[in-house]
Amino acid sequence: MSESYEGRQIVGMDLHRRRSVLVRMTESGQRLETVRISNDPEYLREVMTRAGEAPDVVLEATYGWYWAADTLAELGATVHLAHPLGVKMFSYRRVKNDERDAADLADLLRMGRLPEAWIAPPATRELRGWVRHRAKLVGLRSNLKCQIHAVLAAAGVQVPMSDLFGVGGQQLLAASRLAVESRSRVDSLLRVINALDFEIDTFANLVAGRLRGDPGYRAIQAIPGVGPLLAAVFVAEIGDIGRFARPQQLACWAGLTPKHHESDTTVHRGRITKQGSRLVRWAAIEAVQRVPAHTRLGHIRDRVGERRGVRNIGVVAAARELTVLVFYGLRDHHIRCLPARAA
């Protein structure tokens, strides 16, 4: 069914990998049209021509949403991105289908109850793609290195050095007497690791070149433990720091704040939520692991860890404090609580 309507229209879009369902409705909730399309920008443009000028469109932050958001923005629509964790309420229904999901998204937007996620601009999405790709390559390389350690352990070869892939470790690998099967596996893994080293360095250079003139990128490198690579993770993943009013919101977005469940007079606060940017959370924790004890972050890490009896609790507390420094560094382009570097 399709009919014309002169007022502002709300469009809910249930996006999938191959096909999507769009539900158009009025601000009062009157349904105007339900249509299923294949995921092609031309089909989407054709449907949106019936939605009037400047409609509000909502879609979930799911697999491959970039093309839909960009196409809708080109058509003059106001695009809203629904946060996946906030729309899990749909699971209570006994009947769940794409049409109901699209209509529920439109209803949430119409009633002002939509949990929205930030739509990063194309330049930020491109930078995020490079940073995330490099992080995945590093993860693959770490997995391959663990396989080499496993081969040596199975052959009874002791590894006295801390870095098996340094100069001394390479000499140990070359001198180790291994079975033909084990030697072929180690040589194969080393070749793949060398190829990954090249790709990792390539994307590190791409990211460094893109951020060379970014003042926030330079400012947060003054934080102990934050080098060029971790600073790039913070800049790419956080994006526009102006969307956070306070540093506590950034820590919450990174999943570094404790869970809070309150009912009547009962309050439970548990472990950190881990609901947010996994890469930012990893970078913050990685940065404070080995900072010296005399620094502000090192003092927080050791003091809290000693008081609570668990070092990891102190590490998380220091990581949460580090996000505060990152917030002010990205916002003000300098961090007042740190001593100024010598010229």
C-alpha atoms as a PDB file:
ATOM      1  CA  MET A   1       0.000   0.000   0.000  1.00  0.00           C
ATOM      2  CA  SER A   2       1.310   3.462  -0.881  1.00  0.00           C
ATOM      3  CA  GLU A   3      -0.257   6.862  -0.425  1.00  0.00           C
ATOM      4  CA  SER A   4       0.909  10.474  -0.434  1.00  0.00           C
ATOM      5  CA  TYR A   5       1.347  12.497   2.747  1.00  0.00           C
ATOM      6  CA  GLU A   6       2.372  16.132   3.044  1.00  0.00           C
ATOM      7  CA  GLY A   7       3.863  16.206   6.577  1.00  0.00           C
ATOM      8  CA  ARG A   8       7.184  14.971   7.871  1.00  0.00           C
ATOM      9  CA  GLN A   9       7.582  11.225   7.451  1.00  0.00           C
ATOM     10  CA  ILE A  10       9.381   8.654   9.577  1.00  0.00           C
ATOM     11  CA  VAL A  11      11.074   5.720   7.841  1.00  0.00           C
ATOM     12  CA  GLY A  12      12.286   2.618   9.665  1.00  0.00           C
ATOM     13  CA  MET A  13      14.800   0.478   7.760  1.00  0.00           C
ATOM     14  CA  ASP A  14      15.621  -3.085   8.779  1.00  0.00           C
ATOM     15  CA  LEU A  15      18.929  -3.598   6.985  1.00  0.00           C
ATOM     16  CA  HIS A  16      20.297  -7.030   6.101  1.00  0.00           C
ATOM     17  CA  ARG A  17      23.119  -8.323   3.967  1.00  0.00           C
ATOM     18  CA  ARG A  18      21.085  -8.916   0.779  1.00  0.00           C
ATOM     19  CA  ARG A  19      17.626  -7.388   1.293  1.00  0.00           C
ATOM     20  CA  SER A  20      16.084  -4.743   3.490  1.00  0.00           C
ATOM     21  CA  VAL A  21      12.583  -3.727   4.571  1.00  0.00           C
ATOM     22  CA  LEU A  22      11.438  -0.096   4.807  1.00  0.00           C
ATOM     23  CA  VAL A  23       8.336   1.067   6.684  1.00  0.00           C
ATOM     24  CA  ARG A  24       7.091   4.625   6.113  1.00  0.00           C
ATOM     25  CA  MET A  25       4.744   6.225   8.613  1.00  0.00           C
ATOM     26  CA  THR A  26       3.480   9.603   9.722  1.00  0.00           C
ATOM     27  CA  GLU A  27       4.465  11.389  12.925  1.00  0.00           C
ATOM     28  CA  SER A  28       1.231  10.126  14.478  1.00  0.00           C
ATOM     29  CA  GLY A  29       2.098   6.498  13.663  1.00  0.00           C
ATOM     30  CA  GLN A  30      -0.146   5.976  10.622  1.00  0.00           C
ATOM     31  CA  ARG A  31       1.582   3.484   8.351  1.00  0.00           C
ATOM     32  CA  LEU A  32       1.896   4.642   4.742  1.00  0.00           C
ATOM     33  CA  GLU A  33       3.946   1.958   3.021  1.00  0.00           C
ATOM     34  CA  THR A  34       5.895  -1.221   3.621  1.00  0.00           C
ATOM     35  CA  VAL A  35       8.336  -2.269   0.924  1.00  0.00           C
ATOM     36  CA  ARG A  36      11.115  -4.856   0.611  1.00  0.00           C
ATOM     37  CA  ILE A  37      14.094  -3.978  -1.588  1.00  0.00           C
ATOM     38  CA  SER A  38      17.371  -5.567  -2.607  1.00  0.00           C
ATOM     39  CA  ASN A  39      20.389  -3.758  -1.231  1.00  0.00           C
ATOM     40  CA  ASP A  40      21.080  -1.437  -4.115  1.00  0.00           C
ATOM     41  CA  PRO A  41      21.433   2.368  -3.827  1.00  0.00           C
ATOM     42  CA  GLU A  42      19.199   2.904  -6.868  1.00  0.00           C
ATOM     43  CA  TYR A  43      16.327   0.910  -5.357  1.00  0.00           C
ATOM     44  CA  LEU A  44      16.726   2.818  -2.101  1.00  0.00           C
ATOM     45  CA  ARG A  45      16.609   6.167  -3.922  1.00  0.00           C
ATOM     46  CA  GLU A  46      13.463   5.122  -5.765  1.00  0.00           C
ATOM     47  CA  VAL A  47      11.644   4.246  -2.536  1.00  0.00           C
ATOM     48  CA  MET A  48      12.810   7.383  -0.724  1.00  0.00           C
ATOM     49  CA  THR A  49      11.385   9.659  -3.429  1.00  0.00           C
ATOM     50  CA  ARG A  50       7.953   8.852  -1.961  1.00  0.00           C
ATOM     51  CA  ALA A  51       9.022   9.900   1.553  1.00  0.00           C
ATOM     52  CA  GLY A  52       8.794  13.628   0.909  1.00  0.00           C
ATOM     53  CA  GLU A  53      11.428  16.237   1.702  1.00  0.00           C
ATOM     54  CA  ALA A  54      13.891  15.725   4.556  1.00  0.00           C
ATOM     55  CA  PRO A  55      12.370  12.578   6.126  1.00  0.00           C
ATOM     56  CA  ASP A  56      13.756  11.061   9.322  1.00  0.00           C
ATOM     57  CA  VAL A  57      15.219   7.621   8.642  1.00  0.00           C
ATOM     58  CA  VAL A  58      16.387   5.165  11.283  1.00  0.00           C
ATOM     59  CA  LEU A  59      18.442   2.038  10.722  1.00  0.00           C
ATOM     60  CA  GLU A  60      20.334  -0.238  13.060  1.00  0.00           C
ATOM     61  CA  ALA A  61      24.143  -0.205  13.306  1.00  0.00           C
ATOM     62  CA  THR A  62      24.460  -3.617  11.748  1.00  0.00           C
ATOM     63  CA  TYR A  63      26.645  -5.310   9.121  1.00  0.00           C
ATOM     64  CA  GLY A  64      27.358  -3.004   6.178  1.00  0.00           C
ATOM     65  CA  TRP A  65      25.324   0.059   7.166  1.00  0.00           C
ATOM     66  CA  TYR A  66      27.751   2.607   5.664  1.00  0.00           C
ATOM     67  CA  TRP A  67      26.367   2.565   2.127  1.00  0.00           C
ATOM     68  CA  ALA A  68      22.766   3.006   3.291  1.00  0.00           C
ATOM     69  CA  ALA A  69      23.585   5.913   5.617  1.00  0.00           C
ATOM     70  CA  ASP A  70      25.624   7.687   2.933  1.00  0.00           C
ATOM     71  CA  THR A  71      22.925   7.208   0.277  1.00  0.00           C
ATOM     72  CA  LEU A  72      20.207   8.504   2.587  1.00  0.00           C
ATOM     73  CA  ALA A  73      22.301  11.528   3.567  1.00  0.00           C
ATOM     74  CA  GLU A  74      22.842  12.362  -0.117  1.00  0.00           C
ATOM     75  CA  LEU A  75      19.062  12.354  -0.584  1.00  0.00           C
ATOM     76  CA  GLY A  76      18.626  14.964   2.159  1.00  0.00           C
ATOM     77  CA  ALA A  77      17.269  12.617   4.824  1.00  0.00           C
ATOM     78  CA  THR A  78      18.093  12.982   8.510  1.00  0.00           C
ATOM     79  CA  VAL A  79      19.723   9.647   9.337  1.00  0.00           C
ATOM     80  CA  HIS A  80      19.526   8.133  12.818  1.00  0.00           C
ATOM     81  CA  LEU A  81      21.645   5.112  13.761  1.00  0.00           C
ATOM     82  CA  ALA A  82      20.074   2.809  16.358  1.00  0.00           C
ATOM     83  CA  HIS A  83      22.466   1.290  18.874  1.00  0.00           C
ATOM     84  CA  PRO A  84      22.206  -2.536  18.710  1.00  0.00           C
ATOM     85  CA  LEU A  85      22.322  -2.956  22.494  1.00  0.00           C
ATOM     86  CA  GLY A  86      19.453  -0.525  22.958  1.00  0.00           C
ATOM     87  CA  VAL A  87      17.028  -2.264  20.599  1.00  0.00           C
ATOM     88  CA  LYS A  88      17.401  -5.794  21.982  1.00  0.00           C
ATOM     89  CA  MET A  89      13.949  -5.248  23.493  1.00  0.00           C
ATOM     90  CA  PHE A  90      12.578  -6.628  20.220  1.00  0.00           C
ATOM     91  CA  SER A  91      13.514 -10.139  21.375  1.00  0.00           C
ATOM     92  CA  TYR A  92      10.543 -10.283  23.759  1.00  0.00           C
ATOM     93  CA  ARG A  93       8.053 -10.627  20.896  1.00  0.00           C
ATOM     94  CA  ARG A  94       6.557 -14.005  20.063  1.00  0.00           C
ATOM     95  CA  VAL A  95       6.467 -13.028  16.390  1.00  0.00           C
ATOM     96  CA  LYS A  96       9.626 -11.417  15.024  1.00  0.00           C
ATOM     97  CA  ASN A  97      10.065 -10.508  11.369  1.00  0.00           C
ATOM     98  CA  ASP A  98      11.735  -7.808   9.324  1.00  0.00           C
ATOM     99  CA  GLU A  99       8.577  -5.739   8.906  1.00  0.00           C
ATOM    100  CA  ARG A 100       7.939  -5.621  12.653  1.00  0.00           C
ATOM    101  CA  ASP A 101      11.571  -4.719  13.306  1.00  0.00           C
ATOM    102  CA  ALA A 102      11.477  -1.804  10.839  1.00  0.00           C
ATOM    103  CA  ALA A 103       8.173  -0.545  12.252  1.00  0.00           C
ATOM    104  CA  ASP A 104       9.494  -0.729  15.819  1.00  0.00           C
ATOM    105  CA  LEU A 105      12.582   1.285  14.856  1.00  0.00           C
ATOM    106  CA  ALA A 106      10.342   3.961  13.341  1.00  0.00           C
ATOM    107  CA  ASP A 107       8.107   3.979  16.432  1.00  0.00           C
ATOM    108  CA  LEU A 108      11.075   4.399  18.775  1.00  0.00           C
ATOM    109  CA  LEU A 109      12.290   7.361  16.745  1.00  0.00           C
ATOM    110  CA  ARG A 110       8.797   8.858  16.515  1.00  0.00           C
ATOM    111  CA  MET A 111       8.311   8.660  20.309  1.00  0.00           C
ATOM    112  CA  GLY A 112      11.776  10.019  21.089  1.00  0.00           C
ATOM    113  CA  ARG A 113      12.968   6.800  22.730  1.00  0.00           C
ATOM    114  CA  LEU A 114      15.534   5.660  20.185  1.00  0.00           C
ATOM    115  CA  PRO A 115      18.979   4.779  21.631  1.00  0.00           C
ATOM    116  CA  GLU A 116      21.200   6.417  19.022  1.00  0.00           C
ATOM    117  CA  ALA A 117      24.772   5.693  18.023  1.00  0.00           C
ATOM    118  CA  TRP A 118      27.116   8.271  16.517  1.00  0.00           C
ATOM    119  CA  ILE A 119      27.449   8.295  12.733  1.00  0.00           C
ATOM    120  CA  ALA A 120      31.117   8.910  12.030  1.00  0.00           C
ATOM    121  CA  PRO A 121      31.902  11.001   8.943  1.00  0.00           C
ATOM    122  CA  PRO A 122      33.543   9.221   5.975  1.00  0.00           C
ATOM    123  CA  ALA A 123      37.050  10.505   6.803  1.00  0.00           C
ATOM    124  CA  THR A 124      36.832   9.132  10.344  1.00  0.00           C
ATOM    125  CA  ARG A 125      35.464   5.818   9.076  1.00  0.00           C
ATOM    126  CA  GLU A 126      38.393   5.525   6.674  1.00  0.00           C
ATOM    127  CA  LEU A 127      40.903   6.203   9.462  1.00  0.00           C
ATOM    128  CA  ARG A 128      39.123   3.672  11.678  1.00  0.00           C
ATOM    129  CA  GLY A 129      39.351   1.122   8.878  1.00  0.00           C
ATOM    130  CA  TRP A 130      43.127   1.510   8.697  1.00  0.00           C
ATOM    131  CA  VAL A 131      43.590   1.377  12.476  1.00  0.00           C
ATOM    132  CA  ARG A 132      41.328  -1.655  12.887  1.00  0.00           C
ATOM    133  CA  HIS A 133      42.929  -3.460   9.967  1.00  0.00           C
ATOM    134  CA  ARG A 134      46.369  -2.989  11.484  1.00  0.00           C
ATOM    135  CA  ALA A 135      45.098  -4.211  14.866  1.00  0.00           C
ATOM    136  CA  LYS A 136      43.708  -7.366  13.242  1.00  0.00           C
ATOM    137  CA  LEU A 137      46.996  -7.993  11.452  1.00  0.00           C
ATOM    138  CA  VAL A 138      48.852  -7.669  14.765  1.00  0.00           C
ATOM    139  CA  GLY A 139      46.433 -10.181  16.277  1.00  0.00           C
ATOM    140  CA  LEU A 140      47.114 -12.618  13.437  1.00  0.00           C
ATOM    141  CA  ARG A 141      50.860 -12.195  13.911  1.00  0.00           C
ATOM    142  CA  SER A 142      50.578 -12.846  17.636  1.00  0.00           C
ATOM    143  CA  ASN A 143      48.630 -16.039  16.922  1.00  0.00           C
ATOM    144  CA  LEU A 144      51.357 -17.244  14.540  1.00  0.00           C
ATOM    145  CA  LYS A 145      54.070 -16.500  17.093  1.00  0.00           C
ATOM    146  CA  CYS A 146      52.159 -18.525  19.674  1.00  0.00           C
ATOM    147  CA  GLN A 147      52.099 -21.442  17.224  1.00  0.00           C
ATOM    148  CA  ILE A 148      55.900 -21.328  16.935  1.00  0.00           C
ATOM    149  CA  HIS A 149      56.199 -21.376  20.723  1.00  0.00           C
ATOM    150  CA  ALA A 150      53.889 -24.406  20.767  1.00  0.00           C
ATOM    151  CA  VAL A 151      56.019 -26.257  18.194  1.00  0.00           C
ATOM    152  CA  LEU A 152      59.187 -25.627  20.234  1.00  0.00           C
ATOM    153  CA  ALA A 153      57.490 -26.695  23.459  1.00  0.00           C
ATOM    154  CA  ALA A 154      56.321 -29.956  21.836  1.00  0.00           C
ATOM    155  CA  ALA A 155      59.904 -30.621  20.692  1.00  0.00           C
ATOM    156  CA  GLY A 156      61.286 -29.935  24.188  1.00  0.00           C
ATOM    157  CA  VAL A 157      63.220 -26.824  23.130  1.00  0.00           C
ATOM    158  CA  GLN A 158      63.696 -24.371  25.991  1.00  0.00           C
ATOM    159  CA  VAL A 159      63.354 -20.638  25.211  1.00  0.00           C
ATOM    160  CA  PRO A 160      65.510 -18.690  27.724  1.00  0.00           C
ATOM    161  CA  MET A 161      65.012 -15.243  26.170  1.00  0.00           C
ATOM    162  CA  SER A 162      61.938 -13.043  26.599  1.00  0.00           C
ATOM    163  CA  ASP A 163      61.621 -12.316  22.869  1.00  0.00           C
ATOM    164  CA  LEU A 164      61.906 -15.374  20.671  1.00  0.00           C
ATOM    165  CA  PHE A 165      61.746 -13.214  17.557  1.00  0.00           C
ATOM    166  CA  GLY A 166      64.670 -10.952  18.359  1.00  0.00           C
ATOM    167  CA  VAL A 167      68.263 -11.547  17.279  1.00  0.00           C
ATOM    168  CA  GLY A 168      68.960 -14.144  19.950  1.00  0.00           C
ATOM    169  CA  GLY A 169      65.649 -15.881  19.361  1.00  0.00           C
ATOM    170  CA  GLN A 170      66.257 -16.102  15.619  1.00  0.00           C
ATOM    171  CA  GLN A 171      69.618 -17.757  16.305  1.00  0.00           C
ATOM    172  CA  LEU A 172      67.908 -20.232  18.623  1.00  0.00           C
ATOM    173  CA  LEU A 173      65.297 -21.067  15.973  1.00  0.00           C
ATOM    174  CA  ALA A 174      67.990 -21.640  13.346  1.00  0.00           C
ATOM    175  CA  ALA A 175      70.092 -23.850  15.636  1.00  0.00           C
ATOM    176  CA  SER A 176      67.264 -25.940  17.102  1.00  0.00           C
ATOM    177  CA  ARG A 177      67.201 -29.555  15.994  1.00  0.00           C
ATOM    178  CA  LEU A 178      63.639 -30.203  14.943  1.00  0.00           C
ATOM    179  CA  ALA A 179      61.883 -32.976  13.078  1.00  0.00           C
ATOM    180  CA  VAL A 180      61.181 -32.366   9.394  1.00  0.00           C
ATOM    181  CA  GLU A 181      57.486 -31.777  10.113  1.00  0.00           C
ATOM    182  CA  SER A 182      58.216 -29.298  12.887  1.00  0.00           C
ATOM    183  CA  ARG A 183      60.926 -27.471  10.917  1.00  0.00           C
ATOM    184  CA  SER A 184      58.638 -27.042   7.902  1.00  0.00           C
ATOM    185  CA  ARG A 185      55.898 -25.606  10.128  1.00  0.00           C
ATOM    186  CA  VAL A 186      58.286 -23.147  11.803  1.00  0.00           C
ATOM    187  CA  ASP A 187      59.720 -21.985   8.469  1.00  0.00           C
ATOM    188  CA  SER A 188      56.233 -21.535   7.031  1.00  0.00           C
ATOM    189  CA  LEU A 189      55.082 -19.532  10.054  1.00  0.00           C
ATOM    190  CA  LEU A 190      58.193 -17.325   9.901  1.00  0.00           C
ATOM    191  CA  ARG A 191      57.521 -16.521   6.233  1.00  0.00           C
ATOM    192  CA  VAL A 192      53.951 -15.509   6.986  1.00  0.00           C
ATOM    193  CA  ILE A 193      55.116 -13.414   9.971  1.00  0.00           C
ATOM    194  CA  ASN A 194      57.588 -11.563   7.745  1.00  0.00           C
ATOM    195  CA  ALA A 195      54.799 -10.804   5.266  1.00  0.00           C
ATOM    196  CA  LEU A 196      52.564  -9.548   8.086  1.00  0.00           C
ATOM    197  CA  ASP A 197      55.402  -7.351   9.387  1.00  0.00           C
ATOM    198  CA  PHE A 198      55.477  -5.561   6.037  1.00  0.00           C
ATOM    199  CA  GLU A 199      51.693  -5.033   5.979  1.00  0.00           C
ATOM    200  CA  ILE A 200      51.614  -3.856   9.600  1.00  0.00           C
ATOM    201  CA  ASP A 201      54.350  -1.294   8.926  1.00  0.00           C
ATOM    202  CA  THR A 202      52.539  -0.135   5.774  1.00  0.00           C
ATOM    203  CA  PHE A 203      49.316   0.656   7.586  1.00  0.00           C
ATOM    204  CA  ALA A 204      51.174   2.198  10.523  1.00  0.00           C
ATOM    205  CA  ASN A 205      52.784   4.624   8.055  1.00  0.00           C
ATOM    206  CA  LEU A 206      49.419   5.383   6.433  1.00  0.00           C
ATOM    207  CA  VAL A 207      47.890   6.229   9.812  1.00  0.00           C
ATOM    208  CA  ALA A 208      50.890   8.312  10.904  1.00  0.00           C
ATOM    209  CA  GLY A 209      50.772  10.280   7.658  1.00  0.00           C
ATOM    210  CA  ARG A 210      47.060  10.987   8.050  1.00  0.00           C
ATOM    211  CA  LEU A 211      47.441  12.190  11.665  1.00  0.00           C
ATOM    212  CA  ARG A 212      50.704  14.080  11.297  1.00  0.00           C
ATOM    213  CA  GLY A 213      49.007  17.472  11.577  1.00  0.00           C
ATOM    214  CA  ASP A 214      46.378  16.541  14.179  1.00  0.00           C
ATOM    215  CA  PRO A 215      46.978  18.579  17.375  1.00  0.00           C
ATOM    216  CA  GLY A 216      45.022  16.182  19.585  1.00  0.00           C
ATOM    217  CA  TYR A 217      47.080  13.259  18.286  1.00  0.00           C
ATOM    218  CA  ARG A 218      50.270  15.058  19.268  1.00  0.00           C
ATOM    219  CA  ALA A 219      48.908  16.195  22.644  1.00  0.00           C
ATOM    220  CA  ILE A 220      47.888  12.783  23.994  1.00  0.00           C
ATOM    221  CA  GLN A 221      51.326  11.354  23.230  1.00  0.00           C
ATOM    222  CA  ALA A 222      52.528  13.343  26.249  1.00  0.00           C
ATOM    223  CA  ILE A 223      50.602  10.881  28.458  1.00  0.00           C
ATOM    224  CA  PRO A 224      52.934   8.209  29.894  1.00  0.00           C
ATOM    225  CA  GLY A 225      52.475   4.923  28.062  1.00  0.00           C
ATOM    226  CA  VAL A 226      50.764   6.451  25.009  1.00  0.00           C
ATOM    227  CA  GLY A 227      52.897   6.308  21.884  1.00  0.00           C
ATOM    228  CA  PRO A 228      52.031   6.996  18.237  1.00  0.00           C
ATOM    229  CA  LEU A 229      50.189   3.699  17.722  1.00  0.00           C
ATOM    230  CA  LEU A 230      47.974   3.885  20.813  1.00  0.00           C
ATOM    231  CA  ALA A 231      47.362   7.582  20.179  1.00  0.00           C
ATOM    232  CA  ALA A 232      46.129   6.698  16.693  1.00  0.00           C
ATOM    233  CA  VAL A 233      43.696   4.190  18.208  1.00  0.00           C
ATOM    234  CA  PHE A 234      42.256   6.846  20.522  1.00  0.00           C
ATOM    235  CA  VAL A 235      41.894   9.470  17.780  1.00  0.00           C
ATOM    236  CA  ALA A 236      40.363   7.103  15.224  1.00  0.00           C
ATOM    237  CA  GLU A 237      37.940   5.311  17.528  1.00  0.00           C
ATOM    238  CA  ILE A 238      36.784   8.333  19.556  1.00  0.00           C
ATOM    239  CA  GLY A 239      36.394  10.629  16.550  1.00  0.00           C
ATOM    240  CA  ASP A 240      34.728  13.908  17.476  1.00  0.00           C
ATOM    241  CA  ILE A 241      35.494  14.449  21.161  1.00  0.00           C
ATOM    242  CA  GLY A 242      32.815  17.163  21.281  1.00  0.00           C
ATOM    243  CA  ARG A 243      30.098  14.510  21.456  1.00  0.00           C
ATOM    244  CA  PHE A 244      31.165  13.840  25.068  1.00  0.00           C
ATOM    245  CA  ALA A 245      30.324  16.565  27.571  1.00  0.00           C
ATOM    246  CA  ARG A 246      32.468  15.157  30.380  1.00  0.00           C
ATOM    247  CA  PRO A 247      35.431  12.758  30.641  1.00  0.00           C
ATOM    248  CA  GLN A 248      33.251  10.372  32.658  1.00  0.00           C
ATOM    249  CA  GLN A 249      31.077   9.881  29.577  1.00  0.00           C
ATOM    250  CA  LEU A 250      34.121   8.861  27.566  1.00  0.00           C
ATOM    251  CA  ALA A 251      35.102   6.295  30.218  1.00  0.00           C
ATOM    252  CA  CYS A 252      31.552   4.939  30.206  1.00  0.00           C
ATOM    253  CA  TRP A 253      31.521   4.759  26.393  1.00  0.00           C
ATOM    254  CA  ALA A 254      34.778   2.779  26.528  1.00  0.00           C
ATOM    255  CA  GLY A 255      33.200   0.247  28.905  1.00  0.00           C
ATOM    256  CA  LEU A 256      35.548   1.071  31.798  1.00  0.00           C
ATOM    257  CA  THR A 257      32.862   1.984  34.356  1.00  0.00           C
ATOM    258  CA  PRO A 258      31.282  -0.546  36.751  1.00  0.00           C
ATOM    259  CA  LYS A 259      27.835  -2.014  36.259  1.00  0.00           C
ATOM    260  CA  HIS A 260      25.110  -0.374  38.335  1.00  0.00           C
ATOM    261  CA  HIS A 261      21.862  -2.167  39.221  1.00  0.00           C
ATOM    262  CA  GLU A 262      19.496  -0.362  41.569  1.00  0.00           C
ATOM    263  CA  SER A 263      16.021  -1.298  42.764  1.00  0.00           C
ATOM    264  CA  ASP A 264      14.259   0.332  45.740  1.00  0.00           C
ATOM    265  CA  THR A 265      16.891   0.419  48.514  1.00  0.00           C
ATOM    266  CA  THR A 266      19.168  -2.221  46.959  1.00  0.00           C
ATOM    267  CA  VAL A 267      22.163  -1.143  44.905  1.00  0.00           C
ATOM    268  CA  HIS A 268      24.641  -3.518  43.256  1.00  0.00           C
ATOM    269  CA  ARG A 269      27.829  -2.306  41.569  1.00  0.00           C
ATOM    270  CA  GLY A 270      29.844  -4.983  39.831  1.00  0.00           C
ATOM    271  CA  ARG A 271      32.625  -5.405  37.316  1.00  0.00           C
ATOM    272  CA  ILE A 272      33.183  -3.000  34.444  1.00  0.00           C
ATOM    273  CA  THR A 273      30.521  -3.155  31.752  1.00  0.00           C
ATOM    274  CA  LYS A 274      32.841  -3.804  28.759  1.00  0.00           C
ATOM    275  CA  GLN A 275      30.040  -2.318  26.652  1.00  0.00           C
ATOM    276  CA  GLY A 276      31.697   0.077  24.277  1.00  0.00           C
ATOM    277  CA  SER A 277      34.747   0.389  22.083  1.00  0.00           C
ATOM    278  CA  ARG A 278      36.822  -2.726  22.649  1.00  0.00           C
ATOM    279  CA  LEU A 279      39.839  -1.180  20.926  1.00  0.00           C
ATOM    280  CA  VAL A 280      39.806   1.972  23.086  1.00  0.00           C
ATOM    281  CA  ARG A 281      39.461  -0.156  26.230  1.00  0.00           C
ATOM    282  CA  TRP A 282      42.389  -2.321  25.116  1.00  0.00           C
ATOM    283  CA  ALA A 283      44.540   0.727  24.310  1.00  0.00           C
ATOM    284  CA  ALA A 284      43.864   2.349  27.700  1.00  0.00           C
ATOM    285  CA  ILE A 285      44.708  -0.832  29.612  1.00  0.00           C
ATOM    286  CA  GLU A 286      47.761  -1.515  27.444  1.00  0.00           C
ATOM    287  CA  ALA A 287      49.082   2.001  28.059  1.00  0.00           C
ATOM    288  CA  VAL A 288      49.017   1.784  31.871  1.00  0.00           C
ATOM    289  CA  GLN A 289      50.462  -1.724  32.186  1.00  0.00           C
ATOM    290  CA  ARG A 290      54.109  -0.704  32.302  1.00  0.00           C
ATOM    291  CA  VAL A 291      54.150   3.016  33.136  1.00  0.00           C
ATOM    292  CA  PRO A 292      56.655   3.831  35.902  1.00  0.00           C
ATOM    293  CA  ALA A 293      55.400   3.797  39.480  1.00  0.00           C
ATOM    294  CA  HIS A 294      56.410   7.443  40.071  1.00  0.00           C
ATOM    295  CA  THR A 295      53.970   8.728  37.445  1.00  0.00           C
ATOM    296  CA  ARG A 296      50.406   9.685  38.281  1.00  0.00           C
ATOM    297  CA  LEU A 297      48.937   6.702  36.434  1.00  0.00           C
ATOM    298  CA  GLY A 298      51.488   4.315  37.900  1.00  0.00           C
ATOM    299  CA  HIS A 299      50.738   5.561  41.404  1.00  0.00           C
ATOM    300  CA  ILE A 300      46.981   5.020  40.912  1.00  0.00           C
ATOM    301  CA  ARG A 301      47.561   1.546  39.460  1.00  0.00           C
ATOM    302  CA  ASP A 302      49.805   0.396  42.307  1.00  0.00           C
ATOM    303  CA  ARG A 303      47.873   2.073  45.130  1.00  0.00           C
ATOM    304  CA  VAL A 304      44.455   0.750  44.077  1.00  0.00           C
ATOM    305  CA  GLY A 305      45.856  -2.690  43.235  1.00  0.00           C
ATOM    306  CA  GLU A 306      47.528  -2.955  46.642  1.00  0.00           C
ATOM    307  CA  ARG A 307      44.426  -1.767  48.496  1.00  0.00           C
ATOM    308  CA  ARG A 308      42.098  -4.162  46.663  1.00  0.00           C
ATOM    309  CA  GLY A 309      44.582  -7.036  46.608  1.00  0.00           C
ATOM    310  CA  VAL A 310      44.237  -7.544  42.832  1.00  0.00           C
ATOM    311  CA  ARG A 311      46.579  -5.796  40.424  1.00  0.00           C
ATOM    312  CA  ASN A 312      44.098  -5.915  37.548  1.00  0.00           C
ATOM    313  CA  ILE A 313      41.675  -3.742  39.516  1.00  0.00           C
ATOM    314  CA  GLY A 314      44.398  -1.131  39.840  1.00  0.00           C
ATOM    315  CA  VAL A 315      45.138  -1.382  36.120  1.00  0.00           C
ATOM    316  CA  VAL A 316      41.495  -0.733  35.246  1.00  0.00           C
ATOM    317  CA  ALA A 317      41.367   2.221  37.652  1.00  0.00           C
ATOM    318  CA  ALA A 318      44.462   3.708  36.038  1.00  0.00           C
ATOM    319  CA  ALA A 319      43.022   3.085  32.567  1.00  0.00           C
ATOM    320  CA  ARG A 320      39.878   4.953  33.572  1.00  0.00           C
ATOM    321  CA  GLU A 321      42.028   7.876  34.728  1.00  0.00           C
ATOM    322  CA  LEU A 322      43.940   7.727  31.457  1.00  0.00           C
ATOM    323  CA  THR A 323      40.711   8.243  29.498  1.00  0.00           C
ATOM    324  CA  VAL A 324      40.237  11.467  31.464  1.00  0.00           C
ATOM    325  CA  LEU A 325      43.636  12.689  30.272  1.00  0.00           C
ATOM    326  CA  VAL A 326      42.829  11.599  26.719  1.00  0.00           C
ATOM    327  CA  PHE A 327      39.557  13.549  26.864  1.00  0.00           C
ATOM    328  CA  TYR A 328      41.247  16.816  27.790  1.00  0.00           C
ATOM    329  CA  GLY A 329      44.128  16.212  25.390  1.00  0.00           C
ATOM    330  CA  LEU A 330      41.786  15.750  22.435  1.00  0.00           C
ATOM    331  CA  ARG A 331      39.527  18.629  23.488  1.00  0.00           C
ATOM    332  CA  ASP A 332      42.093  21.260  24.563  1.00  0.00           C
ATOM    333  CA  HIS A 333      45.115  19.975  22.588  1.00  0.00           C
ATOM    334  CA  HIS A 334      47.202  20.004  25.763  1.00  0.00           C
ATOM    335  CA  ILE A 335      46.998  18.366  29.186  1.00  0.00           C
ATOM    336  CA  ARG A 336      47.376  20.796  32.071  1.00  0.00           C
ATOM    337  CA  CYS A 337      48.058  18.257  34.827  1.00  0.00           C
ATOM    338  CA  LEU A 338      51.192  16.936  33.070  1.00  0.00           C
ATOM    339  CA  PRO A 339      54.501  18.808  33.168  1.00  0.00           C
ATOM    340  CA  ALA A 340      55.297  20.587  29.911  1.00  0.00           C
ATOM    341  CA  ARG A 341      57.869  18.893  27.709  1.00  0.00           C
ATOM    342  CA  ALA A 342      61.184  20.639  27.254  1.00  0.00           C
ATOM    343  CA  ALA A 343      61.451  22.550  24.019  1.00  0.00           C
END
